Amino acid sequence: MSLVWLASLGVLAVVVAVLTPYVFRTESTWQAAAWLVMLVGTVAFIAVLVRAERLIGRLGRQADSDASEG
């Protein structure tokens, strides 16, 4: 599943890299690259937040199950 996730992110990055200059109507490739970096950074940050939320939820459920056993 991780490989599918990474492959889909790679395809998404290529699509965004190709479409970014047209979407933002930039004249420079560097401007397009800057927009792309900001977009990828935002998506990565959101992914980290989702992962952290799931981890915290899992740890909370484990703590609840440990407390009910004892």
C-alpha atoms as a PDB file:
ATOM      1  CA  MET A   1       0.000   0.000   0.000  1.00  0.00           C
ATOM      2  CA  SER A   2       2.889   2.347   0.719  1.00  0.00           C
ATOM      3  CA  LEU A   3       4.244   1.866  -2.794  1.00  0.00           C
ATOM      4  CA  VAL A   4       0.850   2.732  -4.274  1.00  0.00           C
ATOM      5  CA  TRP A   5       0.752   5.850  -2.116  1.00  0.00           C
ATOM      6  CA  LEU A   6       4.237   6.905  -3.211  1.00  0.00           C
ATOM      7  CA  ALA A   7       3.501   6.205  -6.867  1.00  0.00           C
ATOM      8  CA  SER A   8       0.312   8.268  -6.735  1.00  0.00           C
ATOM      9  CA  LEU A   9       2.194  11.131  -5.091  1.00  0.00           C
ATOM     10  CA  GLY A  10       4.803  10.953  -7.849  1.00  0.00           C
ATOM     11  CA  VAL A  11       2.157  11.085 -10.560  1.00  0.00           C
ATOM     12  CA  LEU A  12       0.440  13.969  -8.787  1.00  0.00           C
ATOM     13  CA  ALA A  13       3.730  15.860  -8.536  1.00  0.00           C
ATOM     14  CA  VAL A  14       4.376  15.457 -12.251  1.00  0.00           C
ATOM     15  CA  VAL A  15       0.861  16.585 -13.158  1.00  0.00           C
ATOM     16  CA  VAL A  16       1.110  19.609 -10.885  1.00  0.00           C
ATOM     17  CA  ALA A  17       4.575  20.460 -12.236  1.00  0.00           C
ATOM     18  CA  VAL A  18       3.218  20.439 -15.777  1.00  0.00           C
ATOM     19  CA  LEU A  19       0.007  22.363 -15.036  1.00  0.00           C
ATOM     20  CA  THR A  20       1.304  24.931 -12.526  1.00  0.00           C
ATOM     21  CA  PRO A  21       2.601  27.494 -15.065  1.00  0.00           C
ATOM     22  CA  TYR A  22      -0.726  27.399 -16.901  1.00  0.00           C
ATOM     23  CA  VAL A  23      -2.877  27.609 -13.783  1.00  0.00           C
ATOM     24  CA  PHE A  24      -0.984  30.504 -12.205  1.00  0.00           C
ATOM     25  CA  ARG A  25      -0.133  32.114 -15.570  1.00  0.00           C
ATOM     26  CA  THR A  26       3.472  32.600 -14.589  1.00  0.00           C
ATOM     27  CA  GLU A  27       6.083  33.729 -17.077  1.00  0.00           C
ATOM     28  CA  SER A  28       9.003  32.158 -15.313  1.00  0.00           C
ATOM     29  CA  THR A  29       9.710  28.507 -14.641  1.00  0.00           C
ATOM     30  CA  TRP A  30      11.187  29.569 -11.306  1.00  0.00           C
ATOM     31  CA  GLN A  31       7.889  31.141 -10.264  1.00  0.00           C
ATOM     32  CA  ALA A  32       6.123  27.932 -11.193  1.00  0.00           C
ATOM     33  CA  ALA A  33       8.667  25.938  -9.197  1.00  0.00           C
ATOM     34  CA  ALA A  34       8.136  28.204  -6.192  1.00  0.00           C
ATOM     35  CA  TRP A  35       4.375  27.672  -6.360  1.00  0.00           C
ATOM     36  CA  LEU A  36       4.938  23.945  -6.698  1.00  0.00           C
ATOM     37  CA  VAL A  37       7.219  23.857  -3.662  1.00  0.00           C
ATOM     38  CA  MET A  38       4.656  25.756  -1.600  1.00  0.00           C
ATOM     39  CA  LEU A  39       1.890  23.416  -2.741  1.00  0.00           C
ATOM     40  CA  VAL A  40       3.904  20.279  -1.991  1.00  0.00           C
ATOM     41  CA  GLY A  41       4.917  21.674   1.395  1.00  0.00           C
ATOM     42  CA  THR A  42       1.304  22.378   2.277  1.00  0.00           C
ATOM     43  CA  VAL A  43       0.159  18.910   1.235  1.00  0.00           C
ATOM     44  CA  ALA A  44       3.022  17.290   3.147  1.00  0.00           C
ATOM     45  CA  PHE A  45       2.191  19.310   6.258  1.00  0.00           C
ATOM     46  CA  ILE A  46      -1.458  18.258   6.077  1.00  0.00           C
ATOM     47  CA  ALA A  47      -0.390  14.625   5.643  1.00  0.00           C
ATOM     48  CA  VAL A  48       1.828  14.882   8.718  1.00  0.00           C
ATOM     49  CA  LEU A  49      -1.044  16.356  10.733  1.00  0.00           C
ATOM     50  CA  VAL A  50      -3.402  13.564   9.671  1.00  0.00           C
ATOM     51  CA  ARG A  51      -0.785  10.941  10.514  1.00  0.00           C
ATOM     52  CA  ALA A  52      -0.149  12.521  13.918  1.00  0.00           C
ATOM     53  CA  GLU A  53      -3.876  12.648  14.649  1.00  0.00           C
ATOM     54  CA  ARG A  54      -4.243   8.947  13.822  1.00  0.00           C
ATOM     55  CA  LEU A  55      -1.235   8.065  15.976  1.00  0.00           C
ATOM     56  CA  ILE A  56      -2.567  10.055  18.919  1.00  0.00           C
ATOM     57  CA  GLY A  57      -5.974   8.392  18.534  1.00  0.00           C
ATOM     58  CA  ARG A  58      -4.374   4.939  18.441  1.00  0.00           C
ATOM     59  CA  LEU A  59      -2.298   5.690  21.541  1.00  0.00           C
ATOM     60  CA  GLY A  60      -5.406   6.969  23.326  1.00  0.00           C
ATOM     61  CA  ARG A  61      -7.335   3.797  22.505  1.00  0.00           C
ATOM     62  CA  GLN A  62      -4.437   1.654  23.740  1.00  0.00           C
ATOM     63  CA  ALA A  63      -4.281   3.624  26.977  1.00  0.00           C
ATOM     64  CA  ASP A  64      -8.041   3.180  27.475  1.00  0.00           C
ATOM     65  CA  SER A  65      -7.842  -0.570  26.855  1.00  0.00           C
ATOM     66  CA  ASP A  66      -4.873  -0.893  29.231  1.00  0.00           C
ATOM     67  CA  ALA A  67      -6.733   1.025  31.944  1.00  0.00           C
ATOM     68  CA  SER A  68      -9.853  -1.140  31.602  1.00  0.00           C
ATOM     69  CA  GLU A  69      -7.822  -4.369  31.902  1.00  0.00           C
ATOM     70  CA  GLY A  70      -6.122  -3.362  35.123  1.00  0.00           C
END
